[in-house]
Amino acid sequence: MAKLNQLDVSVVLKIKQLQNLSTDGDKFAEWQRHREHDFNARMQAINDAQDMQIEEKEAKIQELNNKFLNEEDWRGFFLPKDLSNTVLFTREQLLQLIERKRELDNEIQKLKEE
């Protein structure tokens, strides 16, 4: 990274783009416990809410389930000591990839509709 900084190249480095992301077993387990505790506390708050209608509670529970089940939790992982096995994108490359993904998603959606 120091060499890239000297070259004045802006690089986007996102955790999801890193290869060989390592896990720290104890910290990962601790964060999973925190996540489970947070989920249970929020579920309990929804269930204990007296002022909510049943439909509203079901919607909140569905939203909570989607959040906790579909989102990846990267806490408890750490970066490798060097970046030799990582994927680095410049900002421009990342924007191009995002745009291409949007195009593909739109094409898939159109094909599903047909």
C-alpha atoms as a PDB file:
ATOM      1  CA  MET A   1       0.000   0.000   0.000  1.00  0.00           C
ATOM      2  CA  ALA A   2       2.868   2.368   0.719  1.00  0.00           C
ATOM      3  CA  LYS A   3       4.081   2.006  -2.875  1.00  0.00           C
ATOM      4  CA  LEU A   4       0.603   2.782  -4.157  1.00  0.00           C
ATOM      5  CA  ASN A   5       0.448   5.850  -1.936  1.00  0.00           C
ATOM      6  CA  GLN A   6       3.789   7.016  -3.305  1.00  0.00           C
ATOM      7  CA  LEU A   7       2.451   6.605  -6.836  1.00  0.00           C
ATOM      8  CA  ASP A   8      -0.590   8.647  -5.804  1.00  0.00           C
ATOM      9  CA  VAL A   9      -2.990   5.926  -7.019  1.00  0.00           C
ATOM     10  CA  SER A  10      -6.295   5.759  -5.215  1.00  0.00           C
ATOM     11  CA  VAL A  11      -7.263   2.165  -4.555  1.00  0.00           C
ATOM     12  CA  VAL A  12     -10.574   0.945  -3.251  1.00  0.00           C
ATOM     13  CA  LEU A  13     -10.002  -1.882  -0.834  1.00  0.00           C
ATOM     14  CA  LYS A  14     -13.173  -3.510   0.415  1.00  0.00           C
ATOM     15  CA  ILE A  15     -13.334  -6.454   2.763  1.00  0.00           C
ATOM     16  CA  LYS A  16     -15.611  -8.412   0.434  1.00  0.00           C
ATOM     17  CA  GLN A  17     -13.039  -8.068  -2.336  1.00  0.00           C
ATOM     18  CA  LEU A  18     -10.208  -9.551  -0.332  1.00  0.00           C
ATOM     19  CA  GLN A  19      -9.149 -13.076  -1.003  1.00  0.00           C
ATOM     20  CA  ASN A  20      -8.049 -15.323   1.828  1.00  0.00           C
ATOM     21  CA  LEU A  21      -9.706 -13.264   4.531  1.00  0.00           C
ATOM     22  CA  SER A  22      -8.726 -14.972   7.764  1.00  0.00           C
ATOM     23  CA  THR A  23     -10.892 -15.585  10.771  1.00  0.00           C
ATOM     24  CA  ASP A  24      -9.902 -15.301  14.379  1.00  0.00           C
ATOM     25  CA  GLY A  25     -11.893 -18.137  15.939  1.00  0.00           C
ATOM     26  CA  ASP A  26     -12.362 -16.607  19.408  1.00  0.00           C
ATOM     27  CA  LYS A  27     -13.244 -13.140  18.154  1.00  0.00           C
ATOM     28  CA  PHE A  28     -15.519 -14.558  15.467  1.00  0.00           C
ATOM     29  CA  ALA A  29     -17.390 -16.634  18.065  1.00  0.00           C
ATOM     30  CA  GLU A  30     -17.633 -13.585  20.354  1.00  0.00           C
ATOM     31  CA  TRP A  31     -19.116 -11.444  17.562  1.00  0.00           C
ATOM     32  CA  GLN A  32     -21.556 -14.206  16.665  1.00  0.00           C
ATOM     33  CA  ARG A  33     -22.719 -14.241  20.301  1.00  0.00           C
ATOM     34  CA  HIS A  34     -23.119 -10.443  20.193  1.00  0.00           C
ATOM     35  CA  ARG A  35     -25.086 -10.710  16.964  1.00  0.00           C
ATOM     36  CA  GLU A  36     -27.342 -13.435  18.371  1.00  0.00           C
ATOM     37  CA  HIS A  37     -27.901 -11.448  21.582  1.00  0.00           C
ATOM     38  CA  ASP A  38     -28.765  -8.332  19.548  1.00  0.00           C
ATOM     39  CA  PHE A  39     -31.186 -10.327  17.388  1.00  0.00           C
ATOM     40  CA  ASN A  40     -32.887 -11.851  20.432  1.00  0.00           C
ATOM     41  CA  ALA A  41     -33.143  -8.478  22.181  1.00  0.00           C
ATOM     42  CA  ARG A  42     -34.763  -6.890  19.131  1.00  0.00           C
ATOM     43  CA  MET A  43     -37.174  -9.813  18.732  1.00  0.00           C
ATOM     44  CA  GLN A  44     -38.125  -9.540  22.391  1.00  0.00           C
ATOM     45  CA  ALA A  45     -38.706  -5.793  22.027  1.00  0.00           C
ATOM     46  CA  ILE A  46     -40.985  -6.395  19.045  1.00  0.00           C
ATOM     47  CA  ASN A  47     -42.894  -9.138  20.848  1.00  0.00           C
ATOM     48  CA  ASP A  48     -43.245  -7.033  24.015  1.00  0.00           C
ATOM     49  CA  ALA A  49     -44.512  -3.957  22.174  1.00  0.00           C
ATOM     50  CA  GLN A  50     -48.137  -3.510  23.182  1.00  0.00           C
ATOM     51  CA  ASP A  51     -48.920  -0.618  20.851  1.00  0.00           C
ATOM     52  CA  MET A  52     -48.180  -2.512  17.596  1.00  0.00           C
ATOM     53  CA  GLN A  53     -50.748  -4.269  15.462  1.00  0.00           C
ATOM     54  CA  ILE A  54     -50.159  -7.920  14.526  1.00  0.00           C
ATOM     55  CA  GLU A  55     -49.448  -7.026  10.894  1.00  0.00           C
ATOM     56  CA  GLU A  56     -46.947  -4.392  11.963  1.00  0.00           C
ATOM     57  CA  LYS A  57     -45.204  -6.871  14.270  1.00  0.00           C
ATOM     58  CA  GLU A  58     -45.005  -9.447  11.485  1.00  0.00           C
ATOM     59  CA  ALA A  59     -43.540  -6.844   9.120  1.00  0.00           C
ATOM     60  CA  LYS A  60     -40.928  -5.820  11.704  1.00  0.00           C
ATOM     61  CA  ILE A  61     -40.028  -9.465  12.374  1.00  0.00           C
ATOM     62  CA  GLN A  62     -39.678 -10.130   8.641  1.00  0.00           C
ATOM     63  CA  GLU A  63     -37.472  -7.049   8.259  1.00  0.00           C
ATOM     64  CA  LEU A  64     -35.331  -8.147  11.211  1.00  0.00           C
ATOM     65  CA  ASN A  65     -34.980 -11.671   9.824  1.00  0.00           C
ATOM     66  CA  ASN A  66     -33.947 -10.326   6.439  1.00  0.00           C
ATOM     67  CA  LYS A  67     -31.360  -8.070   8.023  1.00  0.00           C
ATOM     68  CA  PHE A  68     -29.783 -10.704  10.218  1.00  0.00           C
ATOM     69  CA  LEU A  69     -30.016 -13.654   7.846  1.00  0.00           C
ATOM     70  CA  ASN A  70     -29.029 -11.980   4.583  1.00  0.00           C
ATOM     71  CA  GLU A  71     -26.313  -9.584   5.701  1.00  0.00           C
ATOM     72  CA  GLU A  72     -22.829 -10.938   6.122  1.00  0.00           C
ATOM     73  CA  ASP A  73     -21.059 -10.079   9.341  1.00  0.00           C
ATOM     74  CA  TRP A  74     -17.360  -9.526   8.818  1.00  0.00           C
ATOM     75  CA  ARG A  75     -16.514  -8.864  12.444  1.00  0.00           C
ATOM     76  CA  GLY A  76     -14.053 -11.414  13.752  1.00  0.00           C
ATOM     77  CA  PHE A  77     -12.139 -11.569  10.466  1.00  0.00           C
ATOM     78  CA  PHE A  78      -8.833  -9.888   9.850  1.00  0.00           C
ATOM     79  CA  LEU A  79      -6.706  -8.858   6.912  1.00  0.00           C
ATOM     80  CA  PRO A  80      -3.686 -10.922   5.947  1.00  0.00           C
ATOM     81  CA  LYS A  81      -0.246  -9.560   6.771  1.00  0.00           C
ATOM     82  CA  ASP A  82       0.443  -8.663   3.151  1.00  0.00           C
ATOM     83  CA  LEU A  83      -1.760  -7.911   0.180  1.00  0.00           C
ATOM     84  CA  SER A  84      -0.167 -10.416  -2.205  1.00  0.00           C
ATOM     85  CA  ASN A  85      -3.351 -12.517  -2.417  1.00  0.00           C
ATOM     86  CA  THR A  86      -5.839  -9.684  -2.517  1.00  0.00           C
ATOM     87  CA  VAL A  87      -7.868  -8.092  -5.261  1.00  0.00           C
ATOM     88  CA  LEU A  88      -7.290  -4.379  -5.617  1.00  0.00           C
ATOM     89  CA  PHE A  89      -9.499  -2.139  -7.729  1.00  0.00           C
ATOM     90  CA  THR A  90      -9.055   1.472  -8.602  1.00  0.00           C
ATOM     91  CA  ARG A  91     -12.124   3.579  -7.996  1.00  0.00           C
ATOM     92  CA  GLU A  92     -12.788   3.762 -11.730  1.00  0.00           C
ATOM     93  CA  GLN A  93     -12.591  -0.022 -12.120  1.00  0.00           C
ATOM     94  CA  LEU A  94     -14.936  -0.529  -9.204  1.00  0.00           C
ATOM     95  CA  LEU A  95     -17.468   1.899 -10.683  1.00  0.00           C
ATOM     96  CA  GLN A  96     -17.258   0.058 -14.009  1.00  0.00           C
ATOM     97  CA  LEU A  97     -17.902  -3.259 -12.265  1.00  0.00           C
ATOM     98  CA  ILE A  98     -20.874  -1.819 -10.392  1.00  0.00           C
ATOM     99  CA  GLU A  99     -22.326  -0.428 -13.616  1.00  0.00           C
ATOM    100  CA  ARG A 100     -21.878  -3.756 -15.391  1.00  0.00           C
ATOM    101  CA  LYS A 101     -23.570  -5.569 -12.508  1.00  0.00           C
ATOM    102  CA  ARG A 102     -26.516  -3.164 -12.779  1.00  0.00           C
ATOM    103  CA  GLU A 103     -26.769  -3.869 -16.503  1.00  0.00           C
ATOM    104  CA  LEU A 104     -26.743  -7.621 -15.888  1.00  0.00           C
ATOM    105  CA  ASP A 105     -29.338  -7.331 -13.132  1.00  0.00           C
ATOM    106  CA  ASN A 106     -31.607  -5.357 -15.479  1.00  0.00           C
ATOM    107  CA  GLU A 107     -31.172  -7.942 -18.234  1.00  0.00           C
ATOM    108  CA  ILE A 108     -31.980 -10.779 -15.832  1.00  0.00           C
ATOM    109  CA  GLN A 109     -35.057  -8.921 -14.603  1.00  0.00           C
ATOM    110  CA  LYS A 110     -36.293  -8.394 -18.173  1.00  0.00           C
ATOM    111  CA  LEU A 111     -35.763 -12.060 -19.008  1.00  0.00           C
ATOM    112  CA  LYS A 112     -37.686 -13.128 -15.914  1.00  0.00           C
ATOM    113  CA  GLU A 113     -40.584 -10.865 -16.876  1.00  0.00           C
ATOM    114  CA  GLU A 114     -40.695 -12.383 -20.384  1.00  0.00           C
END
